[in-house]
Amino acid sequence: MSKTIATVDDSASVRQMVSFTLKGAGYNVVECCDGKDALTKINGSGINMVITDLNMPNMNGLELIKVLRAKPECKFLPIVFLTTESQPEKKEAAKAAGATGWIIKPFKPDQLLAVVKKVLG
């Protein structure tokens, strides 16, 4: 059975690119427009991994990670940031919140798939 990945980004074009890349590699994809949308869609729905932007309206990626990590069923869920941000202090904050990894936009599809394969095994 193929794994399901939630992609969380307020940019529809980024969501589509991530979704296209992942679906092409055989993954199921759930698209979410921000952290709040992600929480409603991820809630006990068999998501195997989350790829999230940092800067979004309503609920940003850092807030999303903190809420997910507080849930017992999401304690070990792989969560990777896909963002334009590259400052060391933002990466540290993400790591402290429980992020599994960090990818800088714009991304190369093979780079994204390499991270997904590494994280999901």
N, C-alpha and C. Protein backbone atom coordinates (compact mmCIF):
# COMPACT_ATOMS: atom_id res chain seq x y z
N MET A 1 0.84 -1.19 0.00
CA MET A 1 0.00 0.00 0.00
C MET A 1 0.88 1.25 0.00
N SER A 2 0.54 2.22 -0.80
CA SER A 2 1.38 3.41 -0.88
C SER A 2 1.13 4.33 0.32
N LYS A 3 2.15 5.08 0.66
CA LYS A 3 2.10 5.99 1.81
C LYS A 3 1.41 7.29 1.43
N THR A 4 0.81 7.93 2.44
CA THR A 4 0.09 9.18 2.22
C THR A 4 0.84 10.34 2.86
N ILE A 5 1.04 11.38 2.08
CA ILE A 5 1.78 12.56 2.53
C ILE A 5 0.88 13.78 2.44
N ALA A 6 0.87 14.56 3.52
CA ALA A 6 0.12 15.83 3.51
C ALA A 6 1.09 16.94 3.12
N THR A 7 0.71 17.74 2.13
CA THR A 7 1.50 18.90 1.75
C THR A 7 0.72 20.14 2.18
N VAL A 8 1.40 20.99 2.98
CA VAL A 8 0.75 22.15 3.58
C VAL A 8 1.45 23.42 3.10
N ASP A 9 0.75 24.21 2.28
CA ASP A 9 1.34 25.44 1.74
C ASP A 9 0.21 26.36 1.30
N ASP A 10 0.37 27.66 1.57
CA ASP A 10 -0.68 28.60 1.16
C ASP A 10 -0.59 28.92 -0.33
N SER A 11 0.49 28.51 -0.99
CA SER A 11 0.63 28.73 -2.43
C SER A 11 0.10 27.51 -3.19
N ALA A 12 -0.97 27.72 -3.96
CA ALA A 12 -1.57 26.62 -4.74
C ALA A 12 -0.57 26.03 -5.72
N SER A 13 0.27 26.88 -6.32
CA SER A 13 1.23 26.37 -7.31
C SER A 13 2.29 25.48 -6.65
N VAL A 14 2.72 25.83 -5.44
CA VAL A 14 3.68 24.98 -4.73
C VAL A 14 3.03 23.66 -4.35
N ARG A 15 1.79 23.73 -3.84
CA ARG A 15 1.08 22.49 -3.49
C ARG A 15 0.96 21.58 -4.71
N GLN A 16 0.62 22.18 -5.85
CA GLN A 16 0.47 21.39 -7.08
C GLN A 16 1.79 20.75 -7.51
N MET A 17 2.89 21.52 -7.42
CA MET A 17 4.19 20.96 -7.80
C MET A 17 4.61 19.82 -6.88
N VAL A 18 4.43 20.01 -5.58
CA VAL A 18 4.77 18.96 -4.62
C VAL A 18 3.89 17.74 -4.86
N SER A 19 2.60 17.97 -5.02
CA SER A 19 1.64 16.90 -5.25
C SER A 19 1.97 16.13 -6.53
N PHE A 20 2.26 16.85 -7.61
CA PHE A 20 2.61 16.22 -8.89
C PHE A 20 3.85 15.35 -8.73
N THR A 21 4.86 15.87 -8.05
CA THR A 21 6.12 15.14 -7.83
C THR A 21 5.88 13.87 -7.02
N LEU A 22 5.14 14.00 -5.93
CA LEU A 22 4.90 12.85 -5.05
C LEU A 22 4.00 11.81 -5.70
N LYS A 23 2.94 12.26 -6.37
CA LYS A 23 2.03 11.31 -7.04
C LYS A 23 2.76 10.55 -8.14
N GLY A 24 3.66 11.26 -8.83
CA GLY A 24 4.45 10.63 -9.89
C GLY A 24 5.34 9.52 -9.36
N ALA A 25 5.68 9.60 -8.06
CA ALA A 25 6.53 8.59 -7.43
C ALA A 25 5.69 7.54 -6.69
N GLY A 26 4.36 7.63 -6.84
CA GLY A 26 3.49 6.60 -6.28
C GLY A 26 2.91 6.88 -4.91
N TYR A 27 3.08 8.08 -4.40
CA TYR A 27 2.52 8.42 -3.08
C TYR A 27 1.10 8.99 -3.24
N ASN A 28 0.30 8.82 -2.19
CA ASN A 28 -1.00 9.49 -2.11
C ASN A 28 -0.73 10.86 -1.48
N VAL A 29 -1.47 11.88 -1.90
CA VAL A 29 -1.22 13.22 -1.40
C VAL A 29 -2.53 13.87 -0.91
N VAL A 30 -2.44 14.51 0.26
CA VAL A 30 -3.54 15.31 0.79
C VAL A 30 -3.04 16.76 0.80
N GLU A 31 -3.72 17.64 0.06
CA GLU A 31 -3.30 19.04 -0.02
C GLU A 31 -4.03 19.88 1.02
N CYS A 32 -3.24 20.72 1.73
CA CYS A 32 -3.79 21.60 2.77
C CYS A 32 -3.28 23.02 2.53
N CYS A 33 -4.17 24.02 2.70
CA CYS A 33 -3.80 25.40 2.37
C CYS A 33 -3.15 26.17 3.53
N ASP A 34 -3.21 25.64 4.74
CA ASP A 34 -2.53 26.25 5.89
C ASP A 34 -2.56 25.26 7.05
N GLY A 35 -1.99 25.65 8.18
CA GLY A 35 -1.92 24.75 9.33
C GLY A 35 -3.27 24.31 9.86
N LYS A 36 -4.23 25.23 9.90
CA LYS A 36 -5.58 24.88 10.40
C LYS A 36 -6.24 23.85 9.50
N ASP A 37 -6.12 24.06 8.18
CA ASP A 37 -6.66 23.11 7.20
C ASP A 37 -6.00 21.75 7.40
N ALA A 38 -4.68 21.77 7.61
CA ALA A 38 -3.93 20.52 7.80
C ALA A 38 -4.43 19.76 9.03
N LEU A 39 -4.68 20.47 10.12
CA LEU A 39 -5.13 19.80 11.34
C LEU A 39 -6.45 19.08 11.13
N THR A 40 -7.36 19.67 10.36
CA THR A 40 -8.64 19.00 10.12
C THR A 40 -8.47 17.80 9.21
N LYS A 41 -7.53 17.88 8.26
CA LYS A 41 -7.35 16.78 7.31
C LYS A 41 -6.43 15.68 7.84
N ILE A 42 -5.49 16.03 8.71
CA ILE A 42 -4.54 15.05 9.24
C ILE A 42 -5.16 14.25 10.38
N ASN A 43 -6.09 14.82 11.08
CA ASN A 43 -6.69 14.24 12.28
C ASN A 43 -7.06 12.76 12.11
N GLY A 44 -6.17 11.89 12.53
CA GLY A 44 -6.43 10.45 12.51
C GLY A 44 -6.70 9.85 11.15
N SER A 45 -6.15 10.46 10.10
CA SER A 45 -6.49 10.00 8.75
C SER A 45 -5.42 9.15 8.06
N GLY A 46 -4.50 8.58 8.82
CA GLY A 46 -3.50 7.70 8.22
C GLY A 46 -2.44 8.42 7.40
N ILE A 47 -2.11 9.64 7.78
CA ILE A 47 -1.04 10.38 7.11
C ILE A 47 0.30 9.82 7.58
N ASN A 48 1.21 9.56 6.65
CA ASN A 48 2.51 8.99 6.99
C ASN A 48 3.62 10.04 7.10
N MET A 49 3.37 11.24 6.54
CA MET A 49 4.39 12.29 6.55
C MET A 49 3.71 13.62 6.25
N VAL A 50 4.31 14.71 6.76
CA VAL A 50 3.81 16.06 6.48
C VAL A 50 4.96 16.88 5.90
N ILE A 51 4.67 17.58 4.80
CA ILE A 51 5.62 18.53 4.21
C ILE A 51 4.94 19.89 4.32
N THR A 52 5.52 20.80 5.11
CA THR A 52 4.84 22.06 5.37
C THR A 52 5.71 23.28 5.11
N ASP A 53 5.05 24.34 4.68
CA ASP A 53 5.67 25.64 4.54
C ASP A 53 5.81 26.23 5.95
N LEU A 54 6.65 27.24 6.10
CA LEU A 54 6.78 27.90 7.39
C LEU A 54 5.80 29.06 7.50
N ASN A 55 5.85 29.98 6.52
CA ASN A 55 5.02 31.19 6.57
C ASN A 55 3.69 31.01 5.86
N MET A 56 2.61 30.95 6.65
CA MET A 56 1.25 30.79 6.10
C MET A 56 0.28 31.57 6.97
N PRO A 57 -0.85 31.98 6.39
CA PRO A 57 -1.88 32.64 7.22
C PRO A 57 -2.59 31.62 8.12
N ASN A 58 -3.36 32.10 9.07
CA ASN A 58 -4.17 31.30 9.99
C ASN A 58 -3.35 30.48 10.99
N MET A 59 -2.44 29.64 10.50
CA MET A 59 -1.55 28.87 11.37
C MET A 59 -0.30 28.54 10.58
N ASN A 60 0.86 29.02 11.06
CA ASN A 60 2.09 28.77 10.32
C ASN A 60 2.64 27.36 10.60
N GLY A 61 3.69 27.00 9.90
CA GLY A 61 4.26 25.66 10.00
C GLY A 61 4.79 25.32 11.38
N LEU A 62 5.38 26.29 12.06
CA LEU A 62 5.91 26.07 13.40
C LEU A 62 4.77 25.76 14.39
N GLU A 63 3.71 26.53 14.30
CA GLU A 63 2.54 26.29 15.16
C GLU A 63 1.93 24.92 14.86
N LEU A 64 1.87 24.58 13.57
CA LEU A 64 1.33 23.28 13.16
C LEU A 64 2.13 22.14 13.78
N ILE A 65 3.45 22.23 13.71
CA ILE A 65 4.30 21.18 14.27
C ILE A 65 4.06 21.03 15.78
N LYS A 66 4.00 22.16 16.47
CA LYS A 66 3.79 22.11 17.93
C LYS A 66 2.47 21.42 18.29
N VAL A 67 1.41 21.74 17.54
CA VAL A 67 0.10 21.12 17.81
C VAL A 67 0.15 19.63 17.48
N LEU A 68 0.76 19.27 16.34
CA LEU A 68 0.84 17.86 15.96
C LEU A 68 1.67 17.06 16.97
N ARG A 69 2.81 17.61 17.37
CA ARG A 69 3.69 16.89 18.31
C ARG A 69 3.03 16.67 19.67
N ALA A 70 2.05 17.51 20.01
CA ALA A 70 1.34 17.35 21.28
C ALA A 70 0.35 16.18 21.25
N LYS A 71 0.04 15.69 20.05
CA LYS A 71 -0.89 14.57 19.90
C LYS A 71 -0.09 13.26 19.94
N PRO A 72 -0.49 12.32 20.80
CA PRO A 72 0.26 11.05 20.90
C PRO A 72 0.42 10.34 19.56
N GLU A 73 -0.62 10.36 18.71
CA GLU A 73 -0.55 9.64 17.43
C GLU A 73 0.36 10.33 16.41
N CYS A 74 0.79 11.57 16.69
CA CYS A 74 1.66 12.31 15.77
C CYS A 74 3.07 12.52 16.34
N LYS A 75 3.33 11.90 17.47
CA LYS A 75 4.62 12.11 18.16
C LYS A 75 5.81 11.77 17.26
N PHE A 76 5.68 10.71 16.45
CA PHE A 76 6.78 10.27 15.61
C PHE A 76 6.52 10.47 14.11
N LEU A 77 5.49 11.24 13.80
CA LEU A 77 5.15 11.54 12.40
C LEU A 77 6.26 12.38 11.77
N PRO A 78 6.85 11.94 10.65
CA PRO A 78 7.88 12.76 10.01
C PRO A 78 7.27 14.07 9.48
N ILE A 79 7.89 15.20 9.84
CA ILE A 79 7.43 16.51 9.39
C ILE A 79 8.62 17.27 8.83
N VAL A 80 8.54 17.60 7.55
CA VAL A 80 9.64 18.30 6.87
C VAL A 80 9.16 19.67 6.41
N PHE A 81 9.99 20.68 6.67
CA PHE A 81 9.69 22.03 6.19
C PHE A 81 10.13 22.15 4.75
N LEU A 82 9.31 22.80 3.93
CA LEU A 82 9.65 23.17 2.56
C LEU A 82 9.37 24.66 2.50
N THR A 83 10.43 25.48 2.56
CA THR A 83 10.27 26.91 2.75
C THR A 83 11.37 27.71 2.07
N THR A 84 11.12 28.99 1.88
CA THR A 84 12.15 29.88 1.32
C THR A 84 13.11 30.33 2.42
N GLU A 85 12.74 30.13 3.68
CA GLU A 85 13.56 30.57 4.81
C GLU A 85 14.80 29.69 4.95
N SER A 86 15.95 30.31 5.22
CA SER A 86 17.16 29.51 5.41
C SER A 86 18.00 29.96 6.60
N GLN A 87 17.47 30.89 7.41
CA GLN A 87 18.22 31.39 8.56
C GLN A 87 18.41 30.28 9.60
N PRO A 88 19.63 30.17 10.14
CA PRO A 88 19.93 29.14 11.14
C PRO A 88 18.98 29.18 12.35
N GLU A 89 18.60 30.40 12.79
CA GLU A 89 17.71 30.48 13.96
C GLU A 89 16.31 29.93 13.67
N LYS A 90 15.85 30.06 12.42
CA LYS A 90 14.54 29.49 12.07
C LYS A 90 14.63 27.96 12.02
N LYS A 91 15.76 27.46 11.51
CA LYS A 91 15.96 26.01 11.47
C LYS A 91 16.03 25.45 12.89
N GLU A 92 16.70 26.17 13.78
CA GLU A 92 16.80 25.74 15.18
C GLU A 92 15.43 25.72 15.85
N ALA A 93 14.62 26.75 15.59
CA ALA A 93 13.26 26.80 16.16
C ALA A 93 12.43 25.62 15.65
N ALA A 94 12.60 25.31 14.37
CA ALA A 94 11.86 24.19 13.78
C ALA A 94 12.30 22.87 14.40
N LYS A 95 13.59 22.71 14.56
CA LYS A 95 14.13 21.49 15.15
C LYS A 95 13.63 21.34 16.59
N ALA A 96 13.65 22.45 17.34
CA ALA A 96 13.18 22.45 18.73
C ALA A 96 11.70 22.08 18.81
N ALA A 97 10.93 22.50 17.81
CA ALA A 97 9.49 22.20 17.79
C ALA A 97 9.22 20.75 17.39
N GLY A 98 10.21 20.11 16.77
CA GLY A 98 10.04 18.71 16.39
C GLY A 98 10.09 18.41 14.91
N ALA A 99 10.61 19.35 14.11
CA ALA A 99 10.72 19.11 12.66
C ALA A 99 11.75 18.00 12.40
N THR A 100 11.46 17.19 11.39
CA THR A 100 12.35 16.10 11.02
C THR A 100 13.43 16.57 10.05
N GLY A 101 13.08 17.55 9.18
CA GLY A 101 14.02 18.01 8.17
C GLY A 101 13.63 19.35 7.59
N TRP A 102 14.44 19.82 6.63
CA TRP A 102 14.28 21.17 6.08
C TRP A 102 14.72 21.17 4.62
N ILE A 103 13.85 21.63 3.73
CA ILE A 103 14.19 21.76 2.30
C ILE A 103 13.94 23.22 1.92
N ILE A 104 14.88 23.80 1.19
CA ILE A 104 14.75 25.20 0.75
C ILE A 104 14.07 25.26 -0.62
N LYS A 105 13.09 26.17 -0.75
CA LYS A 105 12.46 26.44 -2.06
C LYS A 105 13.34 27.41 -2.84
N PRO A 106 13.35 27.36 -4.15
CA PRO A 106 12.67 26.35 -4.96
C PRO A 106 13.38 24.99 -4.83
N PHE A 107 12.62 23.92 -4.89
CA PHE A 107 13.19 22.59 -4.73
C PHE A 107 13.28 21.87 -6.07
N LYS A 108 14.17 20.90 -6.14
CA LYS A 108 14.26 20.03 -7.31
C LYS A 108 13.45 18.78 -6.98
N PRO A 109 12.62 18.31 -7.90
CA PRO A 109 11.79 17.13 -7.62
C PRO A 109 12.60 15.94 -7.09
N ASP A 110 13.77 15.66 -7.67
CA ASP A 110 14.55 14.52 -7.20
C ASP A 110 15.08 14.74 -5.78
N GLN A 111 15.33 16.00 -5.42
CA GLN A 111 15.77 16.33 -4.06
C GLN A 111 14.63 16.05 -3.07
N LEU A 112 13.43 16.49 -3.42
CA LEU A 112 12.26 16.25 -2.57
C LEU A 112 12.03 14.74 -2.38
N LEU A 113 12.08 14.01 -3.48
CA LEU A 113 11.84 12.55 -3.40
C LEU A 113 12.92 11.85 -2.60
N ALA A 114 14.15 12.32 -2.69
CA ALA A 114 15.26 11.72 -1.91
C ALA A 114 15.00 11.90 -0.41
N VAL A 115 14.54 13.10 -0.03
CA VAL A 115 14.24 13.36 1.39
C VAL A 115 13.07 12.49 1.84
N VAL A 116 12.02 12.42 1.02
CA VAL A 116 10.85 11.61 1.37
C VAL A 116 11.25 10.15 1.55
N LYS A 117 12.02 9.61 0.62
CA LYS A 117 12.44 8.21 0.71
C LYS A 117 13.29 7.98 1.96
N LYS A 118 14.18 8.92 2.25
CA LYS A 118 15.04 8.80 3.43
C LYS A 118 14.21 8.80 4.71
N VAL A 119 13.24 9.69 4.78
CA VAL A 119 12.42 9.82 5.98
C VAL A 119 11.42 8.68 6.15
N LEU A 120 10.81 8.26 5.05
CA LEU A 120 9.79 7.20 5.12
C LEU A 120 10.37 5.79 5.02
N GLY A 121 11.63 5.69 4.60
CA GLY A 121 12.29 4.38 4.49
C GLY A 121 11.89 3.59 3.27
